[in-house]
Structures are given as C-alpha cells and as structure tokens.
Amino acid sequence: CEEFPWGRVFECDPLGAQPAVFRGAM
C-alpha cells in the first residue's frame, strides 16, 4: 500500500515471479 493522498494498492507475488498488479477497485 502506498501512503500518499492518492495512494494505490498493488497485489504482489511474494517471490517476484509474477508482475505486481495495481488493484484500482480498492
């Protein structure tokens, strides 16, 4: 989670095997 006024949430693979995905609906 990004901490600034329009911060985003990214869903991440815990080993970086897959690219992280921005979850805009959150």
mmCIF file of all heavy atoms, coordinates in Angstrom:
data_MODEL
# 
_entry.id   MODEL 
# 
loop_
_atom_site.group_PDB 
_atom_site.id 
_atom_site.type_symbol 
_atom_site.label_atom_id 
_atom_site.label_alt_id 
_atom_site.label_comp_id 
_atom_site.label_asym_id 
_atom_site.label_entity_id 
_atom_site.label_seq_id 
_atom_site.pdbx_PDB_ins_code 
_atom_site.Cartn_x 
_atom_site.Cartn_y 
_atom_site.Cartn_z 
_atom_site.occupancy 
_atom_site.B_iso_or_equiv 
_atom_site.pdbx_formal_charge 
_atom_site.auth_seq_id 
_atom_site.auth_comp_id 
_atom_site.auth_asym_id 
_atom_site.auth_atom_id 
_atom_site.pdbx_PDB_model_num 
ATOM 1   N N   . CYS A 1 1  ? 0.816   -1.211  0.000   1.00 0.00 ? 1  CYS A N   1 
ATOM 2   C CA  . CYS A 1 1  ? 0.000   0.000   0.000   1.00 0.00 ? 1  CYS A CA  1 
ATOM 3   C C   . CYS A 1 1  ? 0.852   1.264   0.000   1.00 0.00 ? 1  CYS A C   1 
ATOM 4   O O   . CYS A 1 1  ? 1.775   1.394   0.801   1.00 0.00 ? 1  CYS A O   1 
ATOM 5   C CB  . CYS A 1 1  ? -0.902  0.016   1.237   1.00 0.00 ? 1  CYS A CB  1 
ATOM 6   S SG  . CYS A 1 1  ? -2.062  -1.356  1.318   1.00 0.00 ? 1  CYS A SG  1 
ATOM 7   N N   . GLU A 1 2  ? 0.512   2.192   -0.892  1.00 0.00 ? 2  GLU A N   1 
ATOM 8   C CA  . GLU A 1 2  ? 1.201   3.477   -0.958  1.00 0.00 ? 2  GLU A CA  1 
ATOM 9   C C   . GLU A 1 2  ? 0.540   4.473   -0.002  1.00 0.00 ? 2  GLU A C   1 
ATOM 10  O O   . GLU A 1 2  ? -0.688  4.582   0.044   1.00 0.00 ? 2  GLU A O   1 
ATOM 11  C CB  . GLU A 1 2  ? 1.146   4.050   -2.373  1.00 0.00 ? 2  GLU A CB  1 
ATOM 12  C CG  . GLU A 1 2  ? 1.896   3.233   -3.413  1.00 0.00 ? 2  GLU A CG  1 
ATOM 13  C CD  . GLU A 1 2  ? 1.766   3.853   -4.794  1.00 0.00 ? 2  GLU A CD  1 
ATOM 14  O OE1 . GLU A 1 2  ? 0.650   4.308   -5.135  1.00 0.00 ? 2  GLU A OE1 1 
ATOM 15  O OE2 . GLU A 1 2  ? 2.774   3.875   -5.525  1.00 0.00 ? 2  GLU A OE2 1 
ATOM 16  N N   . GLU A 1 3  ? 1.396   5.218   0.708   1.00 0.00 ? 3  GLU A N   1 
ATOM 17  C CA  . GLU A 1 3  ? 0.880   6.173   1.689   1.00 0.00 ? 3  GLU A CA  1 
ATOM 18  C C   . GLU A 1 3  ? 1.063   7.614   1.206   1.00 0.00 ? 3  GLU A C   1 
ATOM 19  O O   . GLU A 1 3  ? 2.021   8.289   1.558   1.00 0.00 ? 3  GLU A O   1 
ATOM 20  C CB  . GLU A 1 3  ? 1.580   5.983   3.035   1.00 0.00 ? 3  GLU A CB  1 
ATOM 21  C CG  . GLU A 1 3  ? 1.012   6.864   4.139   1.00 0.00 ? 3  GLU A CG  1 
ATOM 22  C CD  . GLU A 1 3  ? 1.931   6.968   5.333   1.00 0.00 ? 3  GLU A CD  1 
ATOM 23  O OE1 . GLU A 1 3  ? 2.816   6.099   5.486   1.00 0.00 ? 3  GLU A OE1 1 
ATOM 24  O OE2 . GLU A 1 3  ? 1.765   7.926   6.103   1.00 0.00 ? 3  GLU A OE2 1 
ATOM 25  N N   . PHE A 1 4  ? 0.162   8.053   0.357   1.00 0.00 ? 4  PHE A N   1 
ATOM 26  C CA  . PHE A 1 4  ? 0.035   9.457   -0.007  1.00 0.00 ? 4  PHE A CA  1 
ATOM 27  C C   . PHE A 1 4  ? -1.414  9.662   -0.448  1.00 0.00 ? 4  PHE A C   1 
ATOM 28  O O   . PHE A 1 4  ? -2.149  8.682   -0.623  1.00 0.00 ? 4  PHE A O   1 
ATOM 29  C CB  . PHE A 1 4  ? 1.057   9.871   -1.088  1.00 0.00 ? 4  PHE A CB  1 
ATOM 30  C CG  . PHE A 1 4  ? 0.896   9.213   -2.417  1.00 0.00 ? 4  PHE A CG  1 
ATOM 31  C CD1 . PHE A 1 4  ? 0.143   9.804   -3.423  1.00 0.00 ? 4  PHE A CD1 1 
ATOM 32  C CD2 . PHE A 1 4  ? 1.519   7.997   -2.692  1.00 0.00 ? 4  PHE A CD2 1 
ATOM 33  C CE1 . PHE A 1 4  ? 0.000   9.201   -4.671  1.00 0.00 ? 4  PHE A CE1 1 
ATOM 34  C CE2 . PHE A 1 4  ? 1.388   7.396   -3.933  1.00 0.00 ? 4  PHE A CE2 1 
ATOM 35  C CZ  . PHE A 1 4  ? 0.622   7.997   -4.923  1.00 0.00 ? 4  PHE A CZ  1 
ATOM 36  N N   . PRO A 1 5  ? -1.895  10.915  -0.581  1.00 0.00 ? 5  PRO A N   1 
ATOM 37  C CA  . PRO A 1 5  ? -3.337  11.138  -0.743  1.00 0.00 ? 5  PRO A CA  1 
ATOM 38  C C   . PRO A 1 5  ? -4.035  10.327  -1.823  1.00 0.00 ? 5  PRO A C   1 
ATOM 39  O O   . PRO A 1 5  ? -5.221  10.015  -1.679  1.00 0.00 ? 5  PRO A O   1 
ATOM 40  C CB  . PRO A 1 5  ? -3.411  12.644  -1.021  1.00 0.00 ? 5  PRO A CB  1 
ATOM 41  C CG  . PRO A 1 5  ? -2.258  13.204  -0.262  1.00 0.00 ? 5  PRO A CG  1 
ATOM 42  C CD  . PRO A 1 5  ? -1.156  12.174  -0.399  1.00 0.00 ? 5  PRO A CD  1 
ATOM 43  N N   . TRP A 1 6  ? -3.353  9.994   -2.924  1.00 0.00 ? 6  TRP A N   1 
ATOM 44  C CA  . TRP A 1 6  ? -3.977  9.171   -3.967  1.00 0.00 ? 6  TRP A CA  1 
ATOM 45  C C   . TRP A 1 6  ? -3.224  7.850   -4.109  1.00 0.00 ? 6  TRP A C   1 
ATOM 46  O O   . TRP A 1 6  ? -3.042  7.323   -5.193  1.00 0.00 ? 6  TRP A O   1 
ATOM 47  C CB  . TRP A 1 6  ? -4.026  9.936   -5.296  1.00 0.00 ? 6  TRP A CB  1 
ATOM 48  C CG  . TRP A 1 6  ? -5.080  10.998  -5.262  1.00 0.00 ? 6  TRP A CG  1 
ATOM 49  C CD1 . TRP A 1 6  ? -6.401  10.869  -5.596  1.00 0.00 ? 6  TRP A CD1 1 
ATOM 50  C CD2 . TRP A 1 6  ? -4.922  12.350  -4.841  1.00 0.00 ? 6  TRP A CD2 1 
ATOM 51  N NE1 . TRP A 1 6  ? -7.070  12.046  -5.402  1.00 0.00 ? 6  TRP A NE1 1 
ATOM 52  C CE2 . TRP A 1 6  ? -6.183  12.987  -4.939  1.00 0.00 ? 6  TRP A CE2 1 
ATOM 53  C CE3 . TRP A 1 6  ? -3.831  13.105  -4.365  1.00 0.00 ? 6  TRP A CE3 1 
ATOM 54  C CZ2 . TRP A 1 6  ? -6.381  14.319  -4.584  1.00 0.00 ? 6  TRP A CZ2 1 
ATOM 55  C CZ3 . TRP A 1 6  ? -4.038  14.438  -4.016  1.00 0.00 ? 6  TRP A CZ3 1 
ATOM 56  C CH2 . TRP A 1 6  ? -5.293  15.022  -4.132  1.00 0.00 ? 6  TRP A CH2 1 
ATOM 57  N N   . GLY A 1 7  ? -2.815  7.327   -2.971  1.00 0.00 ? 7  GLY A N   1 
ATOM 58  C CA  . GLY A 1 7  ? -2.041  6.093   -2.944  1.00 0.00 ? 7  GLY A CA  1 
ATOM 59  C C   . GLY A 1 7  ? -2.806  4.904   -3.497  1.00 0.00 ? 7  GLY A C   1 
ATOM 60  O O   . GLY A 1 7  ? -4.040  4.843   -3.470  1.00 0.00 ? 7  GLY A O   1 
ATOM 61  N N   . ARG A 1 8  ? -2.049  3.947   -4.003  1.00 0.00 ? 8  ARG A N   1 
ATOM 62  C CA  . ARG A 1 8  ? -2.604  2.757   -4.640  1.00 0.00 ? 8  ARG A CA  1 
ATOM 63  C C   . ARG A 1 8  ? -2.305  1.503   -3.829  1.00 0.00 ? 8  ARG A C   1 
ATOM 64  O O   . ARG A 1 8  ? -1.469  1.507   -2.926  1.00 0.00 ? 8  ARG A O   1 
ATOM 65  C CB  . ARG A 1 8  ? -2.007  2.610   -6.045  1.00 0.00 ? 8  ARG A CB  1 
ATOM 66  C CG  . ARG A 1 8  ? -2.258  3.783   -6.969  1.00 0.00 ? 8  ARG A CG  1 
ATOM 67  C CD  . ARG A 1 8  ? -1.348  3.762   -8.188  1.00 0.00 ? 8  ARG A CD  1 
ATOM 68  N NE  . ARG A 1 8  ? 0.053   4.014   -7.831  1.00 0.00 ? 8  ARG A NE  1 
ATOM 69  C CZ  . ARG A 1 8  ? 1.054   4.026   -8.705  1.00 0.00 ? 8  ARG A CZ  1 
ATOM 70  N NH1 . ARG A 1 8  ? 0.815   3.768   -9.988  1.00 0.00 ? 8  ARG A NH1 1 
ATOM 71  N NH2 . ARG A 1 8  ? 2.282   4.266   -8.304  1.00 0.00 ? 8  ARG A NH2 1 
ATOM 72  N N   . VAL A 1 9  ? -2.992  0.417   -4.188  1.00 0.00 ? 9  VAL A N   1 
ATOM 73  C CA  . VAL A 1 9  ? -2.713  -0.916  -3.647  1.00 0.00 ? 9  VAL A CA  1 
ATOM 74  C C   . VAL A 1 9  ? -2.243  -1.800  -4.788  1.00 0.00 ? 9  VAL A C   1 
ATOM 75  O O   . VAL A 1 9  ? -2.870  -1.847  -5.862  1.00 0.00 ? 9  VAL A O   1 
ATOM 76  C CB  . VAL A 1 9  ? -3.964  -1.537  -2.989  1.00 0.00 ? 9  VAL A CB  1 
ATOM 77  C CG1 . VAL A 1 9  ? -3.657  -2.955  -2.512  1.00 0.00 ? 9  VAL A CG1 1 
ATOM 78  C CG2 . VAL A 1 9  ? -4.450  -0.683  -1.827  1.00 0.00 ? 9  VAL A CG2 1 
ATOM 79  N N   . PHE A 1 10 ? -1.119  -2.489  -4.576  1.00 0.00 ? 10 PHE A N   1 
ATOM 80  C CA  . PHE A 1 10 ? -0.594  -3.430  -5.551  1.00 0.00 ? 10 PHE A CA  1 
ATOM 81  C C   . PHE A 1 10 ? -0.623  -4.838  -4.961  1.00 0.00 ? 10 PHE A C   1 
ATOM 82  O O   . PHE A 1 10 ? -0.245  -5.041  -3.803  1.00 0.00 ? 10 PHE A O   1 
ATOM 83  C CB  . PHE A 1 10 ? 0.843   -3.076  -5.937  1.00 0.00 ? 10 PHE A CB  1 
ATOM 84  C CG  . PHE A 1 10 ? 0.981   -1.805  -6.718  1.00 0.00 ? 10 PHE A CG  1 
ATOM 85  C CD1 . PHE A 1 10 ? 1.088   -0.584  -6.065  1.00 0.00 ? 10 PHE A CD1 1 
ATOM 86  C CD2 . PHE A 1 10 ? 0.972   -1.823  -8.105  1.00 0.00 ? 10 PHE A CD2 1 
ATOM 87  C CE1 . PHE A 1 10 ? 1.210   0.598   -6.781  1.00 0.00 ? 10 PHE A CE1 1 
ATOM 88  C CE2 . PHE A 1 10 ? 1.093   -0.643  -8.836  1.00 0.00 ? 10 PHE A CE2 1 
ATOM 89  C CZ  . PHE A 1 10 ? 1.205   0.568   -8.164  1.00 0.00 ? 10 PHE A CZ  1 
ATOM 90  N N   . GLU A 1 11 ? -1.051  -5.799  -5.764  1.00 0.00 ? 11 GLU A N   1 
ATOM 91  C CA  . GLU A 1 11 ? -1.017  -7.194  -5.347  1.00 0.00 ? 11 GLU A CA  1 
ATOM 92  C C   . GLU A 1 11 ? 0.248   -7.831  -5.922  1.00 0.00 ? 11 GLU A C   1 
ATOM 93  O O   . GLU A 1 11 ? 0.482   -7.789  -7.132  1.00 0.00 ? 11 GLU A O   1 
ATOM 94  C CB  . GLU A 1 11 ? -2.258  -7.939  -5.826  1.00 0.00 ? 11 GLU A CB  1 
ATOM 95  C CG  . GLU A 1 11 ? -2.338  -9.357  -5.267  1.00 0.00 ? 11 GLU A CG  1 
ATOM 96  C CD  . GLU A 1 11 ? -3.662  -10.032 -5.536  1.00 0.00 ? 11 GLU A CD  1 
ATOM 97  O OE1 . GLU A 1 11 ? -4.443  -9.516  -6.378  1.00 0.00 ? 11 GLU A OE1 1 
ATOM 98  O OE2 . GLU A 1 11 ? -3.928  -11.068 -4.906  1.00 0.00 ? 11 GLU A OE2 1 
ATOM 99  N N   . CYS A 1 12 ? 1.076   -8.422  -5.038  1.00 0.00 ? 12 CYS A N   1 
ATOM 100 C CA  . CYS A 1 12 ? 2.418   -8.849  -5.416  1.00 0.00 ? 12 CYS A CA  1 
ATOM 101 C C   . CYS A 1 12 ? 2.641   -10.336 -5.146  1.00 0.00 ? 12 CYS A C   1 
ATOM 102 O O   . CYS A 1 12 ? 2.151   -10.882 -4.147  1.00 0.00 ? 12 CYS A O   1 
ATOM 103 C CB  . CYS A 1 12 ? 3.473   -8.065  -4.624  1.00 0.00 ? 12 CYS A CB  1 
ATOM 104 S SG  . CYS A 1 12 ? 3.225   -6.286  -4.593  1.00 0.00 ? 12 CYS A SG  1 
ATOM 105 N N   . ASP A 1 13 ? 3.404   -10.955 -6.017  1.00 0.00 ? 13 ASP A N   1 
ATOM 106 C CA  . ASP A 1 13 ? 3.893   -12.313 -5.792  1.00 0.00 ? 13 ASP A CA  1 
ATOM 107 C C   . ASP A 1 13 ? 5.009   -12.246 -4.749  1.00 0.00 ? 13 ASP A C   1 
ATOM 108 O O   . ASP A 1 13 ? 5.932   -11.441 -4.888  1.00 0.00 ? 13 ASP A O   1 
ATOM 109 C CB  . ASP A 1 13 ? 4.426   -12.882 -7.104  1.00 0.00 ? 13 ASP A CB  1 
ATOM 110 C CG  . ASP A 1 13 ? 4.858   -14.329 -6.985  1.00 0.00 ? 13 ASP A CG  1 
ATOM 111 O OD1 . ASP A 1 13 ? 5.821   -14.590 -6.239  1.00 0.00 ? 13 ASP A OD1 1 
ATOM 112 O OD2 . ASP A 1 13 ? 4.263   -15.184 -7.645  1.00 0.00 ? 13 ASP A OD2 1 
ATOM 113 N N   . PRO A 1 14 ? 4.968   -13.062 -3.689  1.00 0.00 ? 14 PRO A N   1 
ATOM 114 C CA  . PRO A 1 14 ? 5.970   -12.953 -2.618  1.00 0.00 ? 14 PRO A CA  1 
ATOM 115 C C   . PRO A 1 14 ? 7.375   -13.371 -3.011  1.00 0.00 ? 14 PRO A C   1 
ATOM 116 O O   . PRO A 1 14 ? 8.305   -13.202 -2.221  1.00 0.00 ? 14 PRO A O   1 
ATOM 117 C CB  . PRO A 1 14 ? 5.415   -13.860 -1.521  1.00 0.00 ? 14 PRO A CB  1 
ATOM 118 C CG  . PRO A 1 14 ? 4.517   -14.810 -2.213  1.00 0.00 ? 14 PRO A CG  1 
ATOM 119 C CD  . PRO A 1 14 ? 3.941   -14.061 -3.359  1.00 0.00 ? 14 PRO A CD  1 
ATOM 120 N N   . LEU A 1 15 ? 7.561   -13.889 -4.230  1.00 0.00 ? 15 LEU A N   1 
ATOM 121 C CA  . LEU A 1 15 ? 8.894   -14.186 -4.743  1.00 0.00 ? 15 LEU A CA  1 
ATOM 122 C C   . LEU A 1 15 ? 9.194   -13.400 -6.019  1.00 0.00 ? 15 LEU A C   1 
ATOM 123 O O   . LEU A 1 15 ? 10.213  -13.640 -6.670  1.00 0.00 ? 15 LEU A O   1 
ATOM 124 C CB  . LEU A 1 15 ? 9.048   -15.688 -5.013  1.00 0.00 ? 15 LEU A CB  1 
ATOM 125 C CG  . LEU A 1 15 ? 9.064   -16.594 -3.786  1.00 0.00 ? 15 LEU A CG  1 
ATOM 126 C CD1 . LEU A 1 15 ? 9.162   -18.064 -4.210  1.00 0.00 ? 15 LEU A CD1 1 
ATOM 127 C CD2 . LEU A 1 15 ? 10.207  -16.243 -2.849  1.00 0.00 ? 15 LEU A CD2 1 
ATOM 128 N N   . GLY A 1 16 ? 8.315   -12.498 -6.391  1.00 0.00 ? 16 GLY A N   1 
ATOM 129 C CA  . GLY A 1 16 ? 8.538   -11.695 -7.580  1.00 0.00 ? 16 GLY A CA  1 
ATOM 130 C C   . GLY A 1 16 ? 8.473   -12.469 -8.878  1.00 0.00 ? 16 GLY A C   1 
ATOM 131 O O   . GLY A 1 16 ? 8.940   -11.987 -9.917  1.00 0.00 ? 16 GLY A O   1 
ATOM 132 N N   . ALA A 1 17 ? 7.879   -13.660 -8.856  1.00 0.00 ? 17 ALA A N   1 
ATOM 133 C CA  . ALA A 1 17 ? 7.826   -14.486 -10.068 1.00 0.00 ? 17 ALA A CA  1 
ATOM 134 C C   . ALA A 1 17 ? 6.833   -13.941 -11.084 1.00 0.00 ? 17 ALA A C   1 
ATOM 135 O O   . ALA A 1 17 ? 6.962   -14.196 -12.284 1.00 0.00 ? 17 ALA A O   1 
ATOM 136 C CB  . ALA A 1 17 ? 7.465   -15.927 -9.701  1.00 0.00 ? 17 ALA A CB  1 
ATOM 137 N N   . GLN A 1 18 ? 5.828   -13.208 -10.605 1.00 0.00 ? 18 GLN A N   1 
ATOM 138 C CA  . GLN A 1 18 ? 4.834   -12.597 -11.479 1.00 0.00 ? 18 GLN A CA  1 
ATOM 139 C C   . GLN A 1 18 ? 4.827   -11.092 -11.250 1.00 0.00 ? 18 GLN A C   1 
ATOM 140 O O   . GLN A 1 18 ? 5.070   -10.628 -10.129 1.00 0.00 ? 18 GLN A O   1 
ATOM 141 C CB  . GLN A 1 18 ? 3.442   -13.174 -11.183 1.00 0.00 ? 18 GLN A CB  1 
ATOM 142 C CG  . GLN A 1 18 ? 3.322   -14.675 -11.369 1.00 0.00 ? 18 GLN A CG  1 
ATOM 143 C CD  . GLN A 1 18 ? 3.498   -15.089 -12.817 1.00 0.00 ? 18 GLN A CD  1 
ATOM 144 O OE1 . GLN A 1 18 ? 3.119   -14.351 -13.732 1.00 0.00 ? 18 GLN A OE1 1 
ATOM 145 N NE2 . GLN A 1 18 ? 4.039   -16.284 -13.036 1.00 0.00 ? 18 GLN A NE2 1 
ATOM 146 N N   . PRO A 1 19 ? 4.550   -10.293 -12.278 1.00 0.00 ? 19 PRO A N   1 
ATOM 147 C CA  . PRO A 1 19 ? 4.500   -8.839  -12.099 1.00 0.00 ? 19 PRO A CA  1 
ATOM 148 C C   . PRO A 1 19 ? 3.406   -8.440  -11.109 1.00 0.00 ? 19 PRO A C   1 
ATOM 149 O O   . PRO A 1 19 ? 2.335   -9.057  -11.076 1.00 0.00 ? 19 PRO A O   1 
ATOM 150 C CB  . PRO A 1 19 ? 4.195   -8.313  -13.504 1.00 0.00 ? 19 PRO A CB  1 
ATOM 151 C CG  . PRO A 1 19 ? 4.555   -9.434  -14.431 1.00 0.00 ? 19 PRO A CG  1 
ATOM 152 C CD  . PRO A 1 19 ? 4.307   -10.693 -13.674 1.00 0.00 ? 19 PRO A CD  1 
ATOM 153 N N   . ALA A 1 20 ? 3.671   -7.424  -10.314 1.00 0.00 ? 20 ALA A N   1 
ATOM 154 C CA  . ALA A 1 20 ? 2.661   -6.898  -9.403  1.00 0.00 ? 20 ALA A CA  1 
ATOM 155 C C   . ALA A 1 20 ? 1.533   -6.245  -10.196 1.00 0.00 ? 20 ALA A C   1 
ATOM 156 O O   . ALA A 1 20 ? 1.739   -5.722  -11.292 1.00 0.00 ? 20 ALA A O   1 
ATOM 157 C CB  . ALA A 1 20 ? 3.287   -5.895  -8.443  1.00 0.00 ? 20 ALA A CB  1 
ATOM 158 N N   . VAL A 1 21 ? 0.319   -6.268  -9.617  1.00 0.00 ? 21 VAL A N   1 
ATOM 159 C CA  . VAL A 1 21 ? -0.868  -5.757  -10.304 1.00 0.00 ? 21 VAL A CA  1 
ATOM 160 C C   . VAL A 1 21 ? -1.513  -4.660  -9.461  1.00 0.00 ? 21 VAL A C   1 
ATOM 161 O O   . VAL A 1 21 ? -1.774  -4.846  -8.268  1.00 0.00 ? 21 VAL A O   1 
ATOM 162 C CB  . VAL A 1 21 ? -1.888  -6.886  -10.552 1.00 0.00 ? 21 VAL A CB  1 
ATOM 163 C CG1 . VAL A 1 21 ? -3.131  -6.338  -11.254 1.00 0.00 ? 21 VAL A CG1 1 
ATOM 164 C CG2 . VAL A 1 21 ? -1.263  -8.010  -11.375 1.00 0.00 ? 21 VAL A CG2 1 
ATOM 165 N N   . PHE A 1 22 ? -1.772  -3.506  -10.073 1.00 0.00 ? 22 PHE A N   1 
ATOM 166 C CA  . PHE A 1 22 ? -2.478  -2.410  -9.424  1.00 0.00 ? 22 PHE A CA  1 
ATOM 167 C C   . PHE A 1 22 ? -3.944  -2.790  -9.255  1.00 0.00 ? 22 PHE A C   1 
ATOM 168 O O   . PHE A 1 22 ? -4.607  -3.163  -10.210 1.00 0.00 ? 22 PHE A O   1 
ATOM 169 C CB  . PHE A 1 22 ? -2.330  -1.141  -10.258 1.00 0.00 ? 22 PHE A CB  1 
ATOM 170 C CG  . PHE A 1 22 ? -3.269  -0.024  -9.900  1.00 0.00 ? 22 PHE A CG  1 
ATOM 171 C CD1 . PHE A 1 22 ? -3.481  0.352   -8.585  1.00 0.00 ? 22 PHE A CD1 1 
ATOM 172 C CD2 . PHE A 1 22 ? -3.942  0.666   -10.901 1.00 0.00 ? 22 PHE A CD2 1 
ATOM 173 C CE1 . PHE A 1 22 ? -4.341  1.388   -8.263  1.00 0.00 ? 22 PHE A CE1 1 
ATOM 174 C CE2 . PHE A 1 22 ? -4.801  1.708   -10.596 1.00 0.00 ? 22 PHE A CE2 1 
ATOM 175 C CZ  . PHE A 1 22 ? -5.005  2.062   -9.268  1.00 0.00 ? 22 PHE A CZ  1 
ATOM 176 N N   . ARG A 1 23 ? -4.451  -2.680  -8.018  1.00 0.00 ? 23 ARG A N   1 
ATOM 177 C CA  . ARG A 1 23 ? -5.844  -3.022  -7.731  1.00 0.00 ? 23 ARG A CA  1 
ATOM 178 C C   . ARG A 1 23 ? -6.643  -1.742  -7.484  1.00 0.00 ? 23 ARG A C   1 
ATOM 179 O O   . ARG A 1 23 ? -6.891  -1.320  -6.360  1.00 0.00 ? 23 ARG A O   1 
ATOM 180 C CB  . ARG A 1 23 ? -5.920  -3.956  -6.511  1.00 0.00 ? 23 ARG A CB  1 
ATOM 181 C CG  . ARG A 1 23 ? -5.281  -5.322  -6.727  1.00 0.00 ? 23 ARG A CG  1 
ATOM 182 C CD  . ARG A 1 23 ? -5.852  -6.027  -7.940  1.00 0.00 ? 23 ARG A CD  1 
ATOM 183 N NE  . ARG A 1 23 ? -5.421  -7.431  -8.069  1.00 0.00 ? 23 ARG A NE  1 
ATOM 184 C CZ  . ARG A 1 23 ? -5.651  -8.174  -9.131  1.00 0.00 ? 23 ARG A CZ  1 
ATOM 185 N NH1 . ARG A 1 23 ? -6.298  -7.665  -10.181 1.00 0.00 ? 23 ARG A NH1 1 
ATOM 186 N NH2 . ARG A 1 23 ? -5.242  -9.424  -9.185  1.00 0.00 ? 23 ARG A NH2 1 
ATOM 187 N N   . GLY A 1 24 ? -7.076  -1.118  -8.587  1.00 0.00 ? 24 GLY A N   1 
ATOM 188 C CA  . GLY A 1 24 ? -7.739  0.175   -8.517  1.00 0.00 ? 24 GLY A CA  1 
ATOM 189 C C   . GLY A 1 24 ? -9.055  0.170   -7.781  1.00 0.00 ? 24 GLY A C   1 
ATOM 190 O O   . GLY A 1 24 ? -9.447  1.184   -7.192  1.00 0.00 ? 24 GLY A O   1 
ATOM 191 N N   . ALA A 1 25 ? -9.767  -0.960  -7.790  1.00 0.00 ? 25 ALA A N   1 
ATOM 192 C CA  . ALA A 1 25 ? -11.058 -1.023  -7.118  1.00 0.00 ? 25 ALA A CA  1 
ATOM 193 C C   . ALA A 1 25 ? -10.930 -0.873  -5.610  1.00 0.00 ? 25 ALA A C   1 
ATOM 194 O O   . ALA A 1 25 ? -11.929 -0.587  -4.926  1.00 0.00 ? 25 ALA A O   1 
ATOM 195 C CB  . ALA A 1 25 ? -11.765 -2.340  -7.457  1.00 0.00 ? 25 ALA A CB  1 
ATOM 196 N N   . MET A 1 26 ? -9.720  -1.022  -5.075  1.00 0.00 ? 26 MET A N   1 
ATOM 197 C CA  . MET A 1 26 ? -9.509  -0.915  -3.636  1.00 0.00 ? 26 MET A CA  1 
ATOM 198 C C   . MET A 1 26 ? -9.306  0.527   -3.190  1.00 0.00 ? 26 MET A C   1 
ATOM 199 O O   . MET A 1 26 ? -9.059  0.787   -2.008  1.00 0.00 ? 26 MET A O   1 
ATOM 200 C CB  . MET A 1 26 ? -8.334  -1.787  -3.210  1.00 0.00 ? 26 MET A CB  1 
ATOM 201 C CG  . MET A 1 26 ? -8.538  -3.260  -3.532  1.00 0.00 ? 26 MET A CG  1 
ATOM 202 S SD  . MET A 1 26 ? -7.244  -4.350  -2.942  1.00 0.00 ? 26 MET A SD  1 
ATOM 203 C CE  . MET A 1 26 ? -7.669  -4.475  -1.201  1.00 0.00 ? 26 MET A CE  1 
# 
